[in-house]
Amino acid sequence: MERLLNRFITVIDWWAVVLLVLMVVVVTLGVFFRYVLSASLAWYDEFASYLLVWLTFYGAVVASYRRRHIGFDMVVNRLMSRTRRKIEVVAELFVLGFHVVLFYYGWNLMHKMGDETAISLPWVKMGWVYSVLPIAGGLMLLISFERLLHICFGSRTGKGAEAAWSGSSSE
């Protein structure tokens, strides 16, 4: 499962790069039209905002997989192994709970707003825009579940809490 997840994260990483490049192109077009051609594009800022939201959530998936979010590893690494493992399990359960909430309410919001359209982009359904919430929430849910398994049972495979905490299982 870890190998498949690693490949999938690579695809998401590239998707985030595409979103970033697209956002730069859209903003550059907007600036060019406004200041060079003196003709403002009505849609570029809304589209760039949606791209930024998508980039943020897909970037969060990659950061979650690579353990690059804010943490207190200096404090946790000084604890004894047994205490560290307990704290990591509790912390991962909280993270898992947050991802369940993100997935569940993101799914509901996506369906509730599904037929609405964007203001300046009438061909863009808001369900597409909000789809990033359950997708990112679901992916981070899988990542957290896999990490929890590594923390709890990783010692049998040579990977334990240390690998799950340091991010070394994803590099």
N, C-alpha and C. Protein backbone atom coordinates (compact mmCIF):
# COMPACT_ATOMS: atom_id res chain seq x y z
N MET A 1 0.82 -1.20 0.00
CA MET A 1 0.00 0.00 0.00
C MET A 1 0.86 1.26 0.00
N GLU A 2 1.98 1.18 0.71
CA GLU A 2 2.86 2.35 0.79
C GLU A 2 3.44 2.70 -0.57
N ARG A 3 3.78 1.69 -1.35
CA ARG A 3 4.34 1.91 -2.68
C ARG A 3 3.32 2.58 -3.60
N LEU A 4 2.08 2.10 -3.56
CA LEU A 4 1.01 2.68 -4.36
C LEU A 4 0.74 4.12 -3.92
N LEU A 5 0.72 4.34 -2.63
CA LEU A 5 0.49 5.68 -2.09
C LEU A 5 1.62 6.62 -2.50
N ASN A 6 2.84 6.13 -2.50
CA ASN A 6 3.99 6.94 -2.91
C ASN A 6 3.87 7.37 -4.37
N ARG A 7 3.46 6.45 -5.23
CA ARG A 7 3.26 6.79 -6.65
C ARG A 7 2.14 7.80 -6.82
N PHE A 8 1.07 7.61 -6.07
CA PHE A 8 -0.07 8.52 -6.15
C PHE A 8 0.31 9.91 -5.67
N ILE A 9 1.13 9.99 -4.64
CA ILE A 9 1.60 11.29 -4.13
C ILE A 9 2.48 11.98 -5.17
N THR A 10 3.26 11.21 -5.91
CA THR A 10 4.07 11.79 -6.99
C THR A 10 3.17 12.43 -8.04
N VAL A 11 2.08 11.76 -8.39
CA VAL A 11 1.11 12.32 -9.35
C VAL A 11 0.50 13.60 -8.78
N ILE A 12 0.12 13.59 -7.52
CA ILE A 12 -0.48 14.77 -6.89
C ILE A 12 0.54 15.91 -6.83
N ASP A 13 1.79 15.58 -6.59
CA ASP A 13 2.85 16.58 -6.57
C ASP A 13 2.95 17.27 -7.93
N TRP A 14 2.92 16.49 -8.99
CA TRP A 14 2.95 17.06 -10.34
C TRP A 14 1.69 17.86 -10.63
N TRP A 15 0.54 17.39 -10.15
CA TRP A 15 -0.72 18.11 -10.32
C TRP A 15 -0.62 19.48 -9.64
N ALA A 16 0.00 19.53 -8.47
CA ALA A 16 0.18 20.80 -7.77
C ALA A 16 1.08 21.74 -8.57
N VAL A 17 2.09 21.20 -9.21
CA VAL A 17 2.96 22.02 -10.06
C VAL A 17 2.17 22.58 -11.24
N VAL A 18 1.34 21.75 -11.86
CA VAL A 18 0.49 22.21 -12.97
C VAL A 18 -0.45 23.32 -12.50
N LEU A 19 -1.05 23.14 -11.33
CA LEU A 19 -1.94 24.17 -10.78
C LEU A 19 -1.18 25.48 -10.54
N LEU A 20 0.03 25.38 -10.01
CA LEU A 20 0.83 26.57 -9.75
C LEU A 20 1.17 27.29 -11.05
N VAL A 21 1.61 26.55 -12.05
CA VAL A 21 1.95 27.15 -13.35
C VAL A 21 0.71 27.79 -13.97
N LEU A 22 -0.41 27.10 -13.90
CA LEU A 22 -1.66 27.64 -14.44
C LEU A 22 -2.07 28.91 -13.71
N MET A 23 -1.89 28.93 -12.40
CA MET A 23 -2.23 30.12 -11.63
C MET A 23 -1.34 31.30 -12.02
N VAL A 24 -0.05 31.05 -12.20
CA VAL A 24 0.87 32.11 -12.62
C VAL A 24 0.48 32.63 -14.00
N VAL A 25 0.13 31.74 -14.90
CA VAL A 25 -0.27 32.15 -16.25
C VAL A 25 -1.55 32.99 -16.20
N VAL A 26 -2.53 32.56 -15.42
CA VAL A 26 -3.81 33.28 -15.33
C VAL A 26 -3.60 34.67 -14.72
N VAL A 27 -2.83 34.76 -13.65
CA VAL A 27 -2.58 36.07 -13.03
C VAL A 27 -1.78 36.97 -13.96
N THR A 28 -0.79 36.41 -14.64
CA THR A 28 -0.01 37.19 -15.60
C THR A 28 -0.90 37.70 -16.73
N LEU A 29 -1.79 36.86 -17.23
CA LEU A 29 -2.74 37.29 -18.25
C LEU A 29 -3.62 38.43 -17.74
N GLY A 30 -4.10 38.30 -16.53
CA GLY A 30 -4.94 39.34 -15.94
C GLY A 30 -4.20 40.66 -15.82
N VAL A 31 -2.96 40.62 -15.37
CA VAL A 31 -2.16 41.84 -15.23
C VAL A 31 -1.86 42.42 -16.61
N PHE A 32 -1.51 41.57 -17.56
CA PHE A 32 -1.22 42.02 -18.93
C PHE A 32 -2.44 42.71 -19.54
N PHE A 33 -3.58 42.08 -19.45
CA PHE A 33 -4.79 42.67 -20.02
C PHE A 33 -5.15 43.99 -19.35
N ARG A 34 -4.98 44.05 -18.04
CA ARG A 34 -5.38 45.26 -17.32
C ARG A 34 -4.44 46.43 -17.57
N TYR A 35 -3.13 46.20 -17.50
CA TYR A 35 -2.19 47.31 -17.55
C TYR A 35 -1.58 47.55 -18.92
N VAL A 36 -1.55 46.57 -19.78
CA VAL A 36 -0.98 46.77 -21.11
C VAL A 36 -2.09 47.06 -22.12
N LEU A 37 -3.14 46.26 -22.10
CA LEU A 37 -4.22 46.42 -23.07
C LEU A 37 -5.37 47.30 -22.55
N SER A 38 -5.30 47.68 -21.29
CA SER A 38 -6.36 48.48 -20.64
C SER A 38 -7.74 47.87 -20.81
N ALA A 39 -7.79 46.55 -20.77
CA ALA A 39 -9.07 45.82 -20.86
C ALA A 39 -9.02 44.71 -19.82
N SER A 40 -9.78 44.87 -18.79
CA SER A 40 -9.75 43.92 -17.68
C SER A 40 -10.48 42.63 -18.01
N LEU A 41 -9.91 41.52 -17.60
CA LEU A 41 -10.59 40.22 -17.71
C LEU A 41 -11.47 40.06 -16.48
N ALA A 42 -12.71 39.72 -16.69
CA ALA A 42 -13.66 39.64 -15.58
C ALA A 42 -13.48 38.37 -14.75
N TRP A 43 -12.84 37.38 -15.29
CA TRP A 43 -12.83 36.06 -14.66
C TRP A 43 -11.52 35.68 -14.02
N TYR A 44 -10.43 36.39 -14.31
CA TYR A 44 -9.12 35.88 -13.92
C TYR A 44 -8.93 35.80 -12.40
N ASP A 45 -9.42 36.77 -11.64
CA ASP A 45 -9.18 36.75 -10.20
C ASP A 45 -9.96 35.63 -9.50
N GLU A 46 -11.17 35.37 -9.96
CA GLU A 46 -11.95 34.28 -9.37
C GLU A 46 -11.32 32.93 -9.71
N PHE A 47 -10.91 32.78 -10.95
CA PHE A 47 -10.27 31.54 -11.38
C PHE A 47 -8.95 31.32 -10.64
N ALA A 48 -8.16 32.39 -10.48
CA ALA A 48 -6.90 32.29 -9.74
C ALA A 48 -7.15 31.94 -8.28
N SER A 49 -8.23 32.45 -7.71
CA SER A 49 -8.57 32.11 -6.32
C SER A 49 -8.89 30.63 -6.18
N TYR A 50 -9.65 30.10 -7.12
CA TYR A 50 -9.98 28.67 -7.08
C TYR A 50 -8.72 27.82 -7.26
N LEU A 51 -7.84 28.26 -8.15
CA LEU A 51 -6.58 27.53 -8.33
C LEU A 51 -5.74 27.56 -7.06
N LEU A 52 -5.73 28.69 -6.36
CA LEU A 52 -4.98 28.80 -5.11
C LEU A 52 -5.54 27.86 -4.04
N VAL A 53 -6.86 27.77 -3.97
CA VAL A 53 -7.48 26.85 -3.01
C VAL A 53 -7.10 25.41 -3.34
N TRP A 54 -7.20 25.05 -4.61
CA TRP A 54 -6.85 23.69 -5.01
C TRP A 54 -5.38 23.42 -4.73
N LEU A 55 -4.52 24.36 -5.07
CA LEU A 55 -3.09 24.21 -4.82
C LEU A 55 -2.81 24.03 -3.33
N THR A 56 -3.50 24.77 -2.50
CA THR A 56 -3.33 24.66 -1.05
C THR A 56 -3.70 23.28 -0.55
N PHE A 57 -4.86 22.77 -0.96
CA PHE A 57 -5.30 21.48 -0.46
C PHE A 57 -4.47 20.32 -1.02
N TYR A 58 -4.14 20.35 -2.31
CA TYR A 58 -3.31 19.28 -2.85
C TYR A 58 -1.89 19.37 -2.30
N GLY A 59 -1.40 20.58 -2.07
CA GLY A 59 -0.11 20.74 -1.40
C GLY A 59 -0.14 20.21 0.02
N ALA A 60 -1.28 20.37 0.70
CA ALA A 60 -1.43 19.83 2.05
C ALA A 60 -1.38 18.31 2.05
N VAL A 61 -1.92 17.69 1.00
CA VAL A 61 -1.84 16.23 0.88
C VAL A 61 -0.39 15.80 0.79
N VAL A 62 0.38 16.45 -0.08
CA VAL A 62 1.79 16.11 -0.24
C VAL A 62 2.56 16.39 1.05
N ALA A 63 2.31 17.53 1.67
CA ALA A 63 2.98 17.87 2.93
C ALA A 63 2.62 16.88 4.03
N SER A 64 1.38 16.44 4.06
CA SER A 64 0.95 15.46 5.05
C SER A 64 1.69 14.14 4.86
N TYR A 65 1.80 13.71 3.62
CA TYR A 65 2.50 12.46 3.33
C TYR A 65 3.98 12.54 3.72
N ARG A 66 4.59 13.67 3.46
CA ARG A 66 6.02 13.84 3.74
C ARG A 66 6.31 14.33 5.15
N ARG A 67 5.27 14.46 5.97
CA ARG A 67 5.40 14.93 7.36
C ARG A 67 6.07 16.30 7.43
N ARG A 68 5.63 17.21 6.60
CA ARG A 68 6.21 18.54 6.55
C ARG A 68 5.32 19.59 7.21
N HIS A 69 4.27 19.15 7.90
CA HIS A 69 3.44 20.09 8.63
C HIS A 69 4.11 20.46 9.94
N ILE A 70 3.62 21.49 10.57
CA ILE A 70 4.19 21.95 11.83
C ILE A 70 4.05 20.86 12.88
N GLY A 71 5.11 20.63 13.62
CA GLY A 71 5.08 19.64 14.68
C GLY A 71 6.03 20.03 15.80
N PHE A 72 6.00 19.28 16.85
CA PHE A 72 6.87 19.51 18.00
C PHE A 72 7.86 18.37 18.13
N ASP A 73 8.57 18.07 17.05
CA ASP A 73 9.46 16.93 17.07
C ASP A 73 10.61 17.09 18.05
N MET A 74 11.04 18.31 18.33
CA MET A 74 12.11 18.51 19.29
C MET A 74 11.69 18.03 20.68
N VAL A 75 10.45 18.29 21.04
CA VAL A 75 9.92 17.85 22.33
C VAL A 75 9.66 16.35 22.31
N VAL A 76 9.00 15.89 21.27
CA VAL A 76 8.61 14.48 21.19
C VAL A 76 9.82 13.57 21.10
N ASN A 77 10.86 13.99 20.37
CA ASN A 77 12.05 13.15 20.22
C ASN A 77 12.82 12.97 21.53
N ARG A 78 12.61 13.82 22.50
CA ARG A 78 13.29 13.70 23.80
C ARG A 78 12.58 12.75 24.75
N LEU A 79 11.39 12.33 24.38
CA LEU A 79 10.63 11.42 25.24
C LEU A 79 11.12 9.99 25.08
N MET A 80 10.82 9.17 26.06
CA MET A 80 11.17 7.77 25.96
C MET A 80 10.30 7.12 24.89
N SER A 81 10.80 6.05 24.32
CA SER A 81 10.15 5.43 23.17
C SER A 81 8.69 5.07 23.42
N ARG A 82 8.40 4.48 24.55
CA ARG A 82 7.02 4.06 24.85
C ARG A 82 6.09 5.27 24.98
N THR A 83 6.55 6.32 25.66
CA THR A 83 5.75 7.54 25.81
C THR A 83 5.57 8.22 24.46
N ARG A 84 6.63 8.25 23.67
CA ARG A 84 6.57 8.86 22.35
C ARG A 84 5.53 8.16 21.48
N ARG A 85 5.53 6.86 21.52
CA ARG A 85 4.58 6.09 20.71
C ARG A 85 3.14 6.40 21.12
N LYS A 86 2.89 6.49 22.42
CA LYS A 86 1.53 6.81 22.90
C LYS A 86 1.10 8.20 22.43
N ILE A 87 1.99 9.17 22.54
CA ILE A 87 1.67 10.52 22.10
C ILE A 87 1.43 10.55 20.59
N GLU A 88 2.23 9.81 19.85
CA GLU A 88 2.06 9.78 18.40
C GLU A 88 0.74 9.14 18.00
N VAL A 89 0.34 8.10 18.71
CA VAL A 89 -0.95 7.46 18.42
C VAL A 89 -2.08 8.43 18.69
N VAL A 90 -2.05 9.11 19.83
CA VAL A 90 -3.11 10.07 20.17
C VAL A 90 -3.13 11.21 19.14
N ALA A 91 -1.96 11.74 18.80
CA ALA A 91 -1.88 12.84 17.83
C ALA A 91 -2.42 12.39 16.47
N GLU A 92 -2.05 11.20 16.05
CA GLU A 92 -2.51 10.71 14.74
C GLU A 92 -4.01 10.44 14.75
N LEU A 93 -4.54 10.02 15.89
CA LEU A 93 -6.00 9.84 15.99
C LEU A 93 -6.73 11.18 15.86
N PHE A 94 -6.17 12.24 16.45
CA PHE A 94 -6.76 13.57 16.28
C PHE A 94 -6.70 14.01 14.81
N VAL A 95 -5.56 13.79 14.18
CA VAL A 95 -5.41 14.13 12.77
C VAL A 95 -6.38 13.33 11.92
N LEU A 96 -6.50 12.05 12.22
CA LEU A 96 -7.44 11.18 11.51
C LEU A 96 -8.87 11.70 11.67
N GLY A 97 -9.23 12.10 12.87
CA GLY A 97 -10.56 12.66 13.12
C GLY A 97 -10.81 13.92 12.32
N PHE A 98 -9.80 14.79 12.24
CA PHE A 98 -9.95 16.01 11.44
C PHE A 98 -10.17 15.67 9.97
N HIS A 99 -9.44 14.69 9.47
CA HIS A 99 -9.59 14.32 8.06
C HIS A 99 -10.95 13.69 7.79
N VAL A 100 -11.48 12.97 8.75
CA VAL A 100 -12.84 12.43 8.60
C VAL A 100 -13.83 13.58 8.49
N VAL A 101 -13.68 14.59 9.35
CA VAL A 101 -14.57 15.76 9.31
C VAL A 101 -14.42 16.49 7.98
N LEU A 102 -13.20 16.70 7.53
CA LEU A 102 -12.95 17.37 6.26
C LEU A 102 -13.59 16.61 5.11
N PHE A 103 -13.43 15.30 5.10
CA PHE A 103 -14.02 14.48 4.04
C PHE A 103 -15.54 14.54 4.09
N TYR A 104 -16.11 14.31 5.27
CA TYR A 104 -17.56 14.24 5.41
C TYR A 104 -18.25 15.55 5.05
N TYR A 105 -17.80 16.64 5.67
CA TYR A 105 -18.44 17.92 5.40
C TYR A 105 -18.08 18.47 4.02
N GLY A 106 -16.89 18.14 3.54
CA GLY A 106 -16.53 18.52 2.18
C GLY A 106 -17.41 17.82 1.16
N TRP A 107 -17.69 16.54 1.42
CA TRP A 107 -18.58 15.77 0.54
C TRP A 107 -19.98 16.38 0.54
N ASN A 108 -20.49 16.71 1.73
CA ASN A 108 -21.82 17.33 1.83
C ASN A 108 -21.85 18.68 1.12
N LEU A 109 -20.83 19.49 1.32
CA LEU A 109 -20.78 20.81 0.69
C LEU A 109 -20.68 20.68 -0.83
N MET A 110 -19.89 19.73 -1.29
CA MET A 110 -19.76 19.53 -2.73
C MET A 110 -21.11 19.19 -3.36
N HIS A 111 -21.88 18.32 -2.70
CA HIS A 111 -23.19 17.96 -3.24
C HIS A 111 -24.21 19.08 -3.10
N LYS A 112 -24.12 19.81 -2.00
CA LYS A 112 -25.07 20.91 -1.78
C LYS A 112 -24.85 22.03 -2.80
N MET A 113 -23.61 22.31 -3.14
CA MET A 113 -23.29 23.40 -4.06
C MET A 113 -23.10 22.92 -5.49
N GLY A 114 -23.35 21.64 -5.75
CA GLY A 114 -23.04 21.03 -7.03
C GLY A 114 -23.57 21.72 -8.25
N ASP A 115 -24.80 22.21 -8.24
CA ASP A 115 -25.40 22.82 -9.43
C ASP A 115 -25.21 24.33 -9.50
N GLU A 116 -24.69 24.92 -8.45
CA GLU A 116 -24.41 26.36 -8.48
C GLU A 116 -23.24 26.61 -9.43
N THR A 117 -23.20 27.81 -9.99
CA THR A 117 -22.09 28.16 -10.88
C THR A 117 -21.31 29.32 -10.30
N ALA A 118 -20.07 29.44 -10.75
CA ALA A 118 -19.22 30.56 -10.33
C ALA A 118 -19.78 31.86 -10.92
N ILE A 119 -19.53 32.96 -10.25
CA ILE A 119 -20.09 34.24 -10.67
C ILE A 119 -19.57 34.67 -12.03
N SER A 120 -18.27 34.71 -12.19
CA SER A 120 -17.70 35.18 -13.46
C SER A 120 -17.37 34.04 -14.42
N LEU A 121 -17.58 32.84 -13.99
CA LEU A 121 -17.32 31.66 -14.83
C LEU A 121 -18.56 30.77 -14.83
N PRO A 122 -19.58 31.12 -15.60
CA PRO A 122 -20.85 30.39 -15.52
C PRO A 122 -20.76 28.93 -15.95
N TRP A 123 -19.70 28.55 -16.65
CA TRP A 123 -19.53 27.16 -17.05
C TRP A 123 -18.84 26.32 -15.98
N VAL A 124 -18.39 26.95 -14.89
CA VAL A 124 -17.73 26.23 -13.80
C VAL A 124 -18.76 25.96 -12.70
N LYS A 125 -19.02 24.69 -12.47
CA LYS A 125 -19.92 24.29 -11.38
C LYS A 125 -19.15 24.35 -10.06
N MET A 126 -19.80 24.86 -9.04
CA MET A 126 -19.16 24.97 -7.74
C MET A 126 -18.89 23.60 -7.12
N GLY A 127 -19.62 22.59 -7.56
CA GLY A 127 -19.32 21.23 -7.12
C GLY A 127 -17.91 20.82 -7.51
N TRP A 128 -17.46 21.25 -8.69
CA TRP A 128 -16.09 20.96 -9.12
C TRP A 128 -15.10 21.67 -8.20
N VAL A 129 -15.41 22.92 -7.91
CA VAL A 129 -14.51 23.71 -7.07
C VAL A 129 -14.40 23.08 -5.68
N TYR A 130 -15.53 22.72 -5.10
CA TYR A 130 -15.54 22.16 -3.75
C TYR A 130 -15.14 20.68 -3.70
N SER A 131 -14.97 20.06 -4.85
CA SER A 131 -14.57 18.65 -4.86
C SER A 131 -13.20 18.44 -4.25
N VAL A 132 -12.40 19.49 -4.18
CA VAL A 132 -11.07 19.36 -3.58
C VAL A 132 -11.16 19.00 -2.10
N LEU A 133 -12.23 19.39 -1.43
CA LEU A 133 -12.36 19.10 0.00
C LEU A 133 -12.46 17.61 0.29
N PRO A 134 -13.42 16.88 -0.30
CA PRO A 134 -13.46 15.44 -0.01
C PRO A 134 -12.29 14.67 -0.62
N ILE A 135 -11.78 15.14 -1.76
CA ILE A 135 -10.63 14.44 -2.36
C ILE A 135 -9.42 14.57 -1.46
N ALA A 136 -9.07 15.79 -1.08
CA ALA A 136 -7.91 16.00 -0.20
C ALA A 136 -8.14 15.38 1.17
N GLY A 137 -9.35 15.53 1.70
CA GLY A 137 -9.66 14.92 2.99
C GLY A 137 -9.54 13.41 2.96
N GLY A 138 -10.04 12.80 1.89
CA GLY A 138 -9.95 11.35 1.75
C GLY A 138 -8.52 10.87 1.60
N LEU A 139 -7.73 11.59 0.81
CA LEU A 139 -6.33 11.20 0.63
C LEU A 139 -5.54 11.35 1.93
N MET A 140 -5.77 12.45 2.63
CA MET A 140 -5.07 12.63 3.91
C MET A 140 -5.56 11.64 4.96
N LEU A 141 -6.81 11.21 4.83
CA LEU A 141 -7.35 10.17 5.70
C LEU A 141 -6.59 8.86 5.48
N LEU A 142 -6.38 8.50 4.22
CA LEU A 142 -5.60 7.29 3.91
C LEU A 142 -4.17 7.40 4.42
N ILE A 143 -3.57 8.56 4.22
CA ILE A 143 -2.20 8.78 4.68
C ILE A 143 -2.11 8.65 6.20
N SER A 144 -3.05 9.26 6.90
CA SER A 144 -3.04 9.19 8.37
C SER A 144 -3.29 7.77 8.85
N PHE A 145 -4.19 7.06 8.18
CA PHE A 145 -4.47 5.68 8.57
C PHE A 145 -3.23 4.81 8.36
N GLU A 146 -2.55 5.00 7.23
CA GLU A 146 -1.33 4.23 6.97
C GLU A 146 -0.26 4.58 8.00
N ARG A 147 -0.14 5.85 8.35
CA ARG A 147 0.85 6.27 9.35
C ARG A 147 0.52 5.68 10.72
N LEU A 148 -0.77 5.66 11.06
CA LEU A 148 -1.20 5.08 12.33
C LEU A 148 -0.84 3.59 12.39
N LEU A 149 -1.03 2.89 11.28
CA LEU A 149 -0.63 1.48 11.23
C LEU A 149 0.87 1.32 11.42
N HIS A 150 1.66 2.22 10.81
CA HIS A 150 3.11 2.16 10.99
C HIS A 150 3.51 2.44 12.43
N ILE A 151 2.83 3.38 13.06
CA ILE A 151 3.16 3.69 14.46
C ILE A 151 2.83 2.50 15.36
N CYS A 152 1.66 1.91 15.14
CA CYS A 152 1.21 0.83 16.02
C CYS A 152 1.87 -0.51 15.74
N PHE A 153 2.04 -0.84 14.47
CA PHE A 153 2.50 -2.18 14.11
C PHE A 153 3.78 -2.18 13.30
N GLY A 154 4.41 -1.03 13.15
CA GLY A 154 5.56 -0.91 12.28
C GLY A 154 6.79 -1.66 12.72
N SER A 155 6.89 -1.96 14.00
CA SER A 155 8.10 -2.62 14.49
C SER A 155 8.28 -4.00 13.87
N ARG A 156 7.20 -4.63 13.44
CA ARG A 156 7.30 -5.94 12.80
C ARG A 156 7.92 -5.85 11.42
N THR A 157 7.75 -4.68 10.76
CA THR A 157 8.28 -4.52 9.41
C THR A 157 9.59 -3.74 9.41
N GLY A 158 10.10 -3.43 10.59
CA GLY A 158 11.33 -2.66 10.67
C GLY A 158 11.08 -1.16 10.72
N LYS A 159 9.84 -0.77 10.61
CA LYS A 159 9.49 0.65 10.68
C LYS A 159 8.59 0.84 11.88
N GLY A 160 8.90 1.77 12.68
CA GLY A 160 8.08 2.00 13.86
C GLY A 160 7.69 3.44 13.98
N ALA A 161 7.52 3.87 15.19
CA ALA A 161 7.12 5.24 15.45
C ALA A 161 8.16 6.22 14.94
N GLU A 162 9.45 5.83 15.01
CA GLU A 162 10.49 6.74 14.56
C GLU A 162 10.35 7.04 13.08
N ALA A 163 10.09 6.01 12.27
CA ALA A 163 9.92 6.21 10.84
C ALA A 163 8.66 7.01 10.54
N ALA A 164 7.61 6.74 11.29
CA ALA A 164 6.36 7.47 11.06
C ALA A 164 6.51 8.93 11.46
N TRP A 165 7.29 9.20 12.51
CA TRP A 165 7.42 10.57 12.97
C TRP A 165 8.37 11.37 12.10
N SER A 166 9.46 10.77 11.68
CA SER A 166 10.50 11.54 10.99
C SER A 166 10.20 11.78 9.53
N GLY A 167 9.25 11.08 8.97
CA GLY A 167 8.96 11.24 7.55
C GLY A 167 9.83 10.34 6.70
N SER A 168 10.69 9.53 7.32
CA SER A 168 11.60 8.70 6.55
C SER A 168 10.91 7.60 5.77
N SER A 169 9.66 7.29 6.12
CA SER A 169 8.96 6.24 5.39
C SER A 169 8.50 6.70 4.02
N SER A 170 8.56 8.00 3.75
CA SER A 170 8.06 8.51 2.47
C SER A 170 9.18 9.02 1.58
N GLU A 171 10.40 8.90 2.01
CA GLU A 171 11.49 9.46 1.20
C GLU A 171 12.32 8.38 0.58
